[in-house]
Each structure stands twice: as C-alpha cells, then as structure tokens.
PDB file of N, CA and C in Angstrom:
ATOM      1  N   MET A   1       0.853  -1.169   0.000  1.00  0.00           N
ATOM      2  CA  MET A   1       0.000   0.000   0.000  1.00  0.00           C
ATOM      3  C   MET A   1       0.895   1.227   0.000  1.00  0.00           C
ATOM      4  N   ASP A   2       0.596   2.203  -0.858  1.00  0.00           N
ATOM      5  CA  ASP A   2       1.438   3.388  -0.907  1.00  0.00           C
ATOM      6  C   ASP A   2       1.113   4.338   0.247  1.00  0.00           C
ATOM      7  N   ALA A   3       2.002   5.299   0.489  1.00  0.00           N
ATOM      8  CA  ALA A   3       1.884   6.207   1.642  1.00  0.00           C
ATOM      9  C   ALA A   3       0.606   7.031   1.586  1.00  0.00           C
ATOM     10  N   ALA A   4       0.225   7.520   0.422  1.00  0.00           N
ATOM     11  CA  ALA A   4      -0.990   8.348   0.322  1.00  0.00           C
ATOM     12  C   ALA A   4      -2.223   7.541   0.697  1.00  0.00           C
ATOM     13  N   ARG A   5      -2.326   6.328   0.242  1.00  0.00           N
ATOM     14  CA  ARG A   5      -3.484   5.488   0.561  1.00  0.00           C
ATOM     15  C   ARG A   5      -3.486   5.145   2.047  1.00  0.00           C
ATOM     16  N   SER A   6      -2.335   4.879   2.622  1.00  0.00           N
ATOM     17  CA  SER A   6      -2.234   4.563   4.040  1.00  0.00           C
ATOM     18  C   SER A   6      -2.746   5.729   4.889  1.00  0.00           C
ATOM     19  N   GLU A   7      -2.387   6.945   4.533  1.00  0.00           N
ATOM     20  CA  GLU A   7      -2.877   8.116   5.264  1.00  0.00           C
ATOM     21  C   GLU A   7      -4.391   8.216   5.188  1.00  0.00           C
ATOM     22  N   TYR A   8      -4.939   7.907   4.035  1.00  0.00           N
ATOM     23  CA  TYR A   8      -6.375   7.983   3.819  1.00  0.00           C
ATOM     24  C   TYR A   8      -7.125   7.026   4.742  1.00  0.00           C
ATOM     25  N   LEU A   9      -6.525   5.880   5.043  1.00  0.00           N
ATOM     26  CA  LEU A   9      -7.199   4.869   5.839  1.00  0.00           C
ATOM     27  C   LEU A   9      -7.110   5.099   7.339  1.00  0.00           C
ATOM     28  N   ASN A  10      -6.250   6.015   7.777  1.00  0.00           N
ATOM     29  CA  ASN A  10      -6.125   6.282   9.211  1.00  0.00           C
ATOM     30  C   ASN A  10      -7.409   6.884   9.750  1.00  0.00           C
ATOM     31  N   LEU A  11      -7.813   6.416  10.906  1.00  0.00           N
ATOM     32  CA  LEU A  11      -9.037   6.882  11.542  1.00  0.00           C
ATOM     33  C   LEU A  11      -8.768   6.974  13.031  1.00  0.00           C
ATOM     34  N   SER A  12      -9.306   7.994  13.663  1.00  0.00           N
ATOM     35  CA  SER A  12      -9.112   8.126  15.104  1.00  0.00           C
ATOM     36  C   SER A  12     -10.465   8.229  15.799  1.00  0.00           C
ATOM     37  N   SER A  13     -10.421   8.184  17.099  1.00  0.00           N
ATOM     38  CA  SER A  13     -11.648   8.276  17.896  1.00  0.00           C
ATOM     39  C   SER A  13     -12.363   9.600  17.701  1.00  0.00           C
ATOM     40  N   ALA A  14     -11.669  10.604  17.164  1.00  0.00           N
ATOM     41  CA  ALA A  14     -12.298  11.907  16.915  1.00  0.00           C
ATOM     42  C   ALA A  14     -13.450  11.793  15.911  1.00  0.00           C
ATOM     43  N   ALA A  15     -13.451  10.741  15.083  1.00  0.00           N
ATOM     44  CA  ALA A  15     -14.507  10.538  14.088  1.00  0.00           C
ATOM     45  C   ALA A  15     -15.798  10.001  14.702  1.00  0.00           C
ATOM     46  N   LEU A  16     -15.750   9.561  15.947  1.00  0.00           N
ATOM     47  CA  LEU A  16     -16.913   8.924  16.569  1.00  0.00           C
ATOM     48  C   LEU A  16     -17.703   9.929  17.394  1.00  0.00           C
ATOM     49  N   GLU A  17     -18.896  10.180  16.952  1.00  0.00           N
ATOM     50  CA  GLU A  17     -19.831  11.081  17.625  1.00  0.00           C
ATOM     51  C   GLU A  17     -21.115  10.314  17.914  1.00  0.00           C
ATOM     52  N   PRO A  18     -21.928  10.774  18.852  1.00  0.00           N
ATOM     53  CA  PRO A  18     -23.208  10.097  19.107  1.00  0.00           C
ATOM     54  C   PRO A  18     -23.998   9.908  17.812  1.00  0.00           C
ATOM     55  N   GLY A  19     -24.515   8.704  17.652  1.00  0.00           N
ATOM     56  CA  GLY A  19     -25.272   8.356  16.459  1.00  0.00           C
ATOM     57  C   GLY A  19     -24.463   7.583  15.428  1.00  0.00           C
ATOM     58  N   THR A  20     -23.132   7.584  15.555  1.00  0.00           N
ATOM     59  CA  THR A  20     -22.270   6.858  14.635  1.00  0.00           C
ATOM     60  C   THR A  20     -22.442   5.353  14.847  1.00  0.00           C
ATOM     61  N   THR A  21     -22.517   4.608  13.750  1.00  0.00           N
ATOM     62  CA  THR A  21     -22.603   3.151  13.831  1.00  0.00           C
ATOM     63  C   THR A  21     -21.210   2.557  13.711  1.00  0.00           C
ATOM     64  N   VAL A  22     -20.924   1.599  14.574  1.00  0.00           N
ATOM     65  CA  VAL A  22     -19.632   0.907  14.557  1.00  0.00           C
ATOM     66  C   VAL A  22     -19.867  -0.599  14.588  1.00  0.00           C
ATOM     67  N   LEU A  23     -18.875  -1.328  14.107  1.00  0.00           N
ATOM     68  CA  LEU A  23     -18.861  -2.776  14.236  1.00  0.00           C
ATOM     69  C   LEU A  23     -17.809  -3.088  15.279  1.00  0.00           C
ATOM     70  N   TYR A  24     -18.228  -3.703  16.378  1.00  0.00           N
ATOM     71  CA  TYR A  24     -17.334  -4.042  17.474  1.00  0.00           C
ATOM     72  C   TYR A  24     -17.038  -5.525  17.415  1.00  0.00           C
ATOM     73  N   ARG A  25     -15.761  -5.868  17.230  1.00  0.00           N
ATOM     74  CA  ARG A  25     -15.337  -7.276  17.158  1.00  0.00           C
ATOM     75  C   ARG A  25     -14.810  -7.670  18.526  1.00  0.00           C
ATOM     76  N   HIS A  26     -15.558  -8.518  19.213  1.00  0.00           N
ATOM     77  CA  HIS A  26     -15.206  -8.923  20.572  1.00  0.00           C
ATOM     78  C   HIS A  26     -15.035 -10.430  20.642  1.00  0.00           C
ATOM     79  N   ARG A  27     -14.708 -10.938  21.817  1.00  0.00           N
ATOM     80  CA  ARG A  27     -14.415 -12.370  21.989  1.00  0.00           C
ATOM     81  C   ARG A  27     -15.555 -13.276  21.535  1.00  0.00           C
ATOM     82  N   SER A  28     -16.784 -12.819  21.736  1.00  0.00           N
ATOM     83  CA  SER A  28     -17.947 -13.657  21.416  1.00  0.00           C
ATOM     84  C   SER A  28     -18.425 -13.524  19.977  1.00  0.00           C
ATOM     85  N   GLY A  29     -17.842 -12.599  19.213  1.00  0.00           N
ATOM     86  CA  GLY A  29     -18.267 -12.399  17.836  1.00  0.00           C
ATOM     87  C   GLY A  29     -18.233 -10.934  17.448  1.00  0.00           C
ATOM     88  N   ASP A  30     -19.061 -10.563  16.499  1.00  0.00           N
ATOM     89  CA  ASP A  30     -19.140  -9.191  16.014  1.00  0.00           C
ATOM     90  C   ASP A  30     -20.512  -8.618  16.343  1.00  0.00           C
ATOM     91  N   SER A  31     -20.551  -7.335  16.710  1.00  0.00           N
ATOM     92  CA  SER A  31     -21.814  -6.681  17.038  1.00  0.00           C
ATOM     93  C   SER A  31     -21.862  -5.295  16.437  1.00  0.00           C
ATOM     94  N   LEU A  32     -22.983  -4.968  15.810  1.00  0.00           N
ATOM     95  CA  LEU A  32     -23.214  -3.593  15.400  1.00  0.00           C
ATOM     96  C   LEU A  32     -23.649  -2.813  16.627  1.00  0.00           C
ATOM     97  N   ALA A  33     -23.140  -1.598  16.750  1.00  0.00           N
ATOM     98  CA  ALA A  33     -23.469  -0.772  17.911  1.00  0.00           C
ATOM     99  C   ALA A  33     -23.557   0.685  17.477  1.00  0.00           C
ATOM    100  N   THR A  34     -24.207   1.488  18.297  1.00  0.00           N
ATOM    101  CA  THR A  34     -24.333   2.920  18.058  1.00  0.00           C
ATOM    102  C   THR A  34     -23.626   3.670  19.170  1.00  0.00           C
ATOM    103  N   VAL A  35     -22.824   4.650  18.776  1.00  0.00           N
ATOM    104  CA  VAL A  35     -22.162   5.498  19.768  1.00  0.00           C
ATOM    105  C   VAL A  35     -23.235   6.312  20.475  1.00  0.00           C
ATOM    106  N   THR A  36     -23.244   6.230  21.806  1.00  0.00           N
ATOM    107  CA  THR A  36     -24.251   6.940  22.601  1.00  0.00           C
ATOM    108  C   THR A  36     -23.675   8.148  23.320  1.00  0.00           C
ATOM    109  N   GLU A  37     -22.359   8.146  23.510  1.00  0.00           N
ATOM    110  CA  GLU A  37     -21.722   9.251  24.222  1.00  0.00           C
ATOM    111  C   GLU A  37     -20.282   9.379  23.738  1.00  0.00           C
ATOM    112  N   ALA A  38     -19.846  10.615  23.528  1.00  0.00           N
ATOM    113  CA  ALA A  38     -18.457  10.869  23.138  1.00  0.00           C
ATOM    114  C   ALA A  38     -18.009  12.161  23.814  1.00  0.00           C
ATOM    115  N   THR A  39     -17.104  12.027  24.769  1.00  0.00           N
ATOM    116  CA  THR A  39     -16.552  13.191  25.465  1.00  0.00           C
ATOM    117  C   THR A  39     -15.077  13.301  25.105  1.00  0.00           C
ATOM    118  N   ASP A  40     -14.403  14.283  25.653  1.00  0.00           N
ATOM    119  CA  ASP A  40     -12.964  14.418  25.421  1.00  0.00           C
ATOM    120  C   ASP A  40     -12.199  13.226  25.973  1.00  0.00           C
ATOM    121  N   GLU A  41     -12.754  12.555  26.979  1.00  0.00           N
ATOM    122  CA  GLU A  41     -12.058  11.463  27.657  1.00  0.00           C
ATOM    123  C   GLU A  41     -12.442  10.068  27.182  1.00  0.00           C
ATOM    124  N   HIS A  42     -13.703   9.855  26.791  1.00  0.00           N
ATOM    125  CA  HIS A  42     -14.146   8.496  26.477  1.00  0.00           C
ATOM    126  C   HIS A  42     -15.207   8.465  25.383  1.00  0.00           C
ATOM    127  N   VAL A  43     -15.463   7.236  24.909  1.00  0.00           N
ATOM    128  CA  VAL A  43     -16.528   6.963  23.938  1.00  0.00           C
ATOM    129  C   VAL A  43     -17.322   5.779  24.465  1.00  0.00           C
ATOM    130  N   ALA A  44     -18.638   5.866  24.410  1.00  0.00           N
ATOM    131  CA  ALA A  44     -19.519   4.776  24.826  1.00  0.00           C
ATOM    132  C   ALA A  44     -20.390   4.369  23.638  1.00  0.00           C
ATOM    133  N   PHE A  45     -20.623   3.061  23.512  1.00  0.00           N
ATOM    134  CA  PHE A  45     -21.514   2.571  22.460  1.00  0.00           C
ATOM    135  C   PHE A  45     -22.323   1.394  22.990  1.00  0.00           C
ATOM    136  N   VAL A  46     -23.503   1.203  22.372  1.00  0.00           N
ATOM    137  CA  VAL A  46     -24.421   0.148  22.789  1.00  0.00           C
ATOM    138  C   VAL A  46     -24.963  -0.547  21.549  1.00  0.00           C
ATOM    139  N   GLY A  47     -25.045  -1.883  21.636  1.00  0.00           N
ATOM    140  CA  GLY A  47     -25.633  -2.690  20.578  1.00  0.00           C
ATOM    141  C   GLY A  47     -26.427  -3.814  21.207  1.00  0.00           C
ATOM    142  N   ASP A  48     -27.029  -4.662  20.381  1.00  0.00           N
ATOM    143  CA  ASP A  48     -27.817  -5.786  20.887  1.00  0.00           C
ATOM    144  C   ASP A  48     -26.986  -6.729  21.745  1.00  0.00           C
ATOM    145  N   ASP A  49     -25.707  -6.922  21.355  1.00  0.00           N
ATOM    146  CA  ASP A  49     -24.851  -7.888  22.055  1.00  0.00           C
ATOM    147  C   ASP A  49     -23.655  -7.257  22.743  1.00  0.00           C
ATOM    148  N   CYS A  50     -23.647  -5.934  22.881  1.00  0.00           N
ATOM    149  CA  CYS A  50     -22.482  -5.298  23.499  1.00  0.00           C
ATOM    150  C   CYS A  50     -22.868  -3.968  24.146  1.00  0.00           C
ATOM    151  N   ASP A  51     -22.029  -3.571  25.067  1.00  0.00           N
ATOM    152  CA  ASP A  51     -22.190  -2.301  25.767  1.00  0.00           C
ATOM    153  C   ASP A  51     -20.782  -1.878  26.175  1.00  0.00           C
ATOM    154  N   GLY A  52     -20.208  -0.917  25.463  1.00  0.00           N
ATOM    155  CA  GLY A  52     -18.818  -0.546  25.707  1.00  0.00           C
ATOM    156  C   GLY A  52     -18.658   0.884  26.166  1.00  0.00           C
ATOM    157  N   HIS A  53     -17.678   1.101  27.025  1.00  0.00           N
ATOM    158  CA  HIS A  53     -17.330   2.426  27.534  1.00  0.00           C
ATOM    159  C   HIS A  53     -15.815   2.427  27.683  1.00  0.00           C
ATOM    160  N   PHE A  54     -15.119   3.127  26.763  1.00  0.00           N
ATOM    161  CA  PHE A  54     -13.666   3.036  26.704  1.00  0.00           C
ATOM    162  C   PHE A  54     -13.030   4.420  26.645  1.00  0.00           C
ATOM    163  N   PRO A  55     -11.833   4.565  27.201  1.00  0.00           N
ATOM    164  CA  PRO A  55     -11.073   5.804  27.026  1.00  0.00           C
ATOM    165  C   PRO A  55     -10.739   5.992  25.546  1.00  0.00           C
ATOM    166  N   ARG A  56     -10.630   7.227  25.101  1.00  0.00           N
ATOM    167  CA  ARG A  56     -10.333   7.500  23.687  1.00  0.00           C
ATOM    168  C   ARG A  56      -9.033   6.843  23.236  1.00  0.00           C
ATOM    169  N   GLU A  57      -8.026   6.760  24.097  1.00  0.00           N
ATOM    170  CA  GLU A  57      -6.764   6.121  23.716  1.00  0.00           C
ATOM    171  C   GLU A  57      -6.991   4.644  23.368  1.00  0.00           C
ATOM    172  N   GLN A  58      -7.845   3.975  24.129  1.00  0.00           N
ATOM    173  CA  GLN A  58      -8.142   2.567  23.844  1.00  0.00           C
ATOM    174  C   GLN A  58      -8.962   2.441  22.569  1.00  0.00           C
ATOM    175  N   ILE A  59      -9.897   3.360  22.357  1.00  0.00           N
ATOM    176  CA  ILE A  59     -10.687   3.359  21.115  1.00  0.00           C
ATOM    177  C   ILE A  59      -9.747   3.493  19.917  1.00  0.00           C
ATOM    178  N   ASP A  60      -8.751   4.385  20.016  1.00  0.00           N
ATOM    179  CA  ASP A  60      -7.792   4.548  18.921  1.00  0.00           C
ATOM    180  C   ASP A  60      -7.042   3.249  18.647  1.00  0.00           C
ATOM    181  N   ARG A  61      -6.643   2.533  19.689  1.00  0.00           N
ATOM    182  CA  ARG A  61      -5.966   1.241  19.504  1.00  0.00           C
ATOM    183  C   ARG A  61      -6.915   0.223  18.865  1.00  0.00           C
ATOM    184  N   MET A  62      -8.168   0.211  19.307  1.00  0.00           N
ATOM    185  CA  MET A  62      -9.152  -0.728  18.753  1.00  0.00           C
ATOM    186  C   MET A  62      -9.407  -0.442  17.270  1.00  0.00           C
ATOM    187  N   LEU A  63      -9.477   0.827  16.908  1.00  0.00           N
ATOM    188  CA  LEU A  63      -9.641   1.196  15.499  1.00  0.00           C
ATOM    189  C   LEU A  63      -8.411   0.763  14.699  1.00  0.00           C
ATOM    190  N   GLY A  64      -7.237   0.950  15.280  1.00  0.00           N
ATOM    191  CA  GLY A  64      -5.996   0.616  14.594  1.00  0.00           C
ATOM    192  C   GLY A  64      -5.814  -0.860  14.330  1.00  0.00           C
ATOM    193  N   ASP A  65      -6.282  -1.698  15.247  1.00  0.00           N
ATOM    194  CA  ASP A  65      -6.089  -3.137  15.047  1.00  0.00           C
ATOM    195  C   ASP A  65      -7.337  -3.854  14.536  1.00  0.00           C
ATOM    196  N   GLY A  66      -8.361  -3.099  14.152  1.00  0.00           N
ATOM    197  CA  GLY A  66      -9.534  -3.697  13.515  1.00  0.00           C
ATOM    198  C   GLY A  66     -10.592  -4.248  14.449  1.00  0.00           C
ATOM    199  N   ARG A  67     -10.441  -4.052  15.764  1.00  0.00           N
ATOM    200  CA  ARG A  67     -11.472  -4.535  16.692  1.00  0.00           C
ATOM    201  C   ARG A  67     -12.690  -3.623  16.695  1.00  0.00           C
ATOM    202  N   LEU A  68     -12.529  -2.395  16.206  1.00  0.00           N
ATOM    203  CA  LEU A  68     -13.644  -1.458  16.083  1.00  0.00           C
ATOM    204  C   LEU A  68     -13.574  -0.862  14.682  1.00  0.00           C
ATOM    205  N   VAL A  69     -14.696  -0.910  13.964  1.00  0.00           N
ATOM    206  CA  VAL A  69     -14.747  -0.469  12.566  1.00  0.00           C
ATOM    207  C   VAL A  69     -15.888   0.522  12.422  1.00  0.00           C
ATOM    208  N   LEU A  70     -15.627   1.629  11.758  1.00  0.00           N
ATOM    209  CA  LEU A  70     -16.646   2.624  11.463  1.00  0.00           C
ATOM    210  C   LEU A  70     -17.526   2.100  10.331  1.00  0.00           C
ATOM    211  N   VAL A  71     -18.839   2.135  10.510  1.00  0.00           N
ATOM    212  CA  VAL A  71     -19.775   1.671   9.475  1.00  0.00           C
ATOM    213  C   VAL A  71     -20.306   2.892   8.747  1.00  0.00           C
ATOM    214  N   LEU A  72     -20.082   2.928   7.420  1.00  0.00           N
ATOM    215  CA  LEU A  72     -20.466   4.094   6.633  1.00  0.00           C
ATOM    216  C   LEU A  72     -21.840   3.977   5.992  1.00  0.00           C
ATOM    217  N   GLY A  73     -22.359   2.779   5.858  1.00  0.00           N
ATOM    218  CA  GLY A  73     -23.664   2.603   5.241  1.00  0.00           C
ATOM    219  C   GLY A  73     -24.321   1.349   5.766  1.00  0.00           C
ATOM    220  N   GLU A  74     -25.525   1.106   5.311  1.00  0.00           N
ATOM    221  CA  GLU A  74     -26.239  -0.091   5.740  1.00  0.00           C
ATOM    222  C   GLU A  74     -25.726  -1.298   4.993  1.00  0.00           C
ATOM    223  N   ARG A  75     -25.824  -2.462   5.637  1.00  0.00           N
ATOM    224  CA  ARG A  75     -25.413  -3.700   4.977  1.00  0.00           C
ATOM    225  C   ARG A  75     -26.480  -4.184   4.045  1.00  0.00           C
TER     226      ARG A  75
END
C-alpha cells in the first residue's frame, strides 16, 4: 500500500460522535453498535450484544487493530 493510501485509511476516535454506527469485534463475535456518548475522555456505544465504555486512547488502539470499525452505510 502506498503512503498516500495509508494516510487515507487512518481513523481516530475523533470521528466517533453520538449516532455513529460501529462494528465491534469482541471475543464472542461481532456486534453492530451505536455510539451513545463521546466526550474528550471516552466513547460509549451500545448494541444488541455489546455495551462498551472506553477511554479515547483505547478506542484509537481498537480502530488501529480492527477490533472497532466505522460503518459508513447499511449492509
């Protein structure tokens, strides 16, 4: 992957605002969830099979390693 494309794919917790849909990949499987709260310190999301509340630094790591994915449209 070239450098320009790599930059394009970078995503941080700053992109997550209330109402954003994410795919959370956890030990039990994958769950669609909606961000319910986003402050300077943390992000919270809720789905049918998950309920997460994480510091933004951890959210950034989860986005980086694919455990949390931003959903841009409906499946």
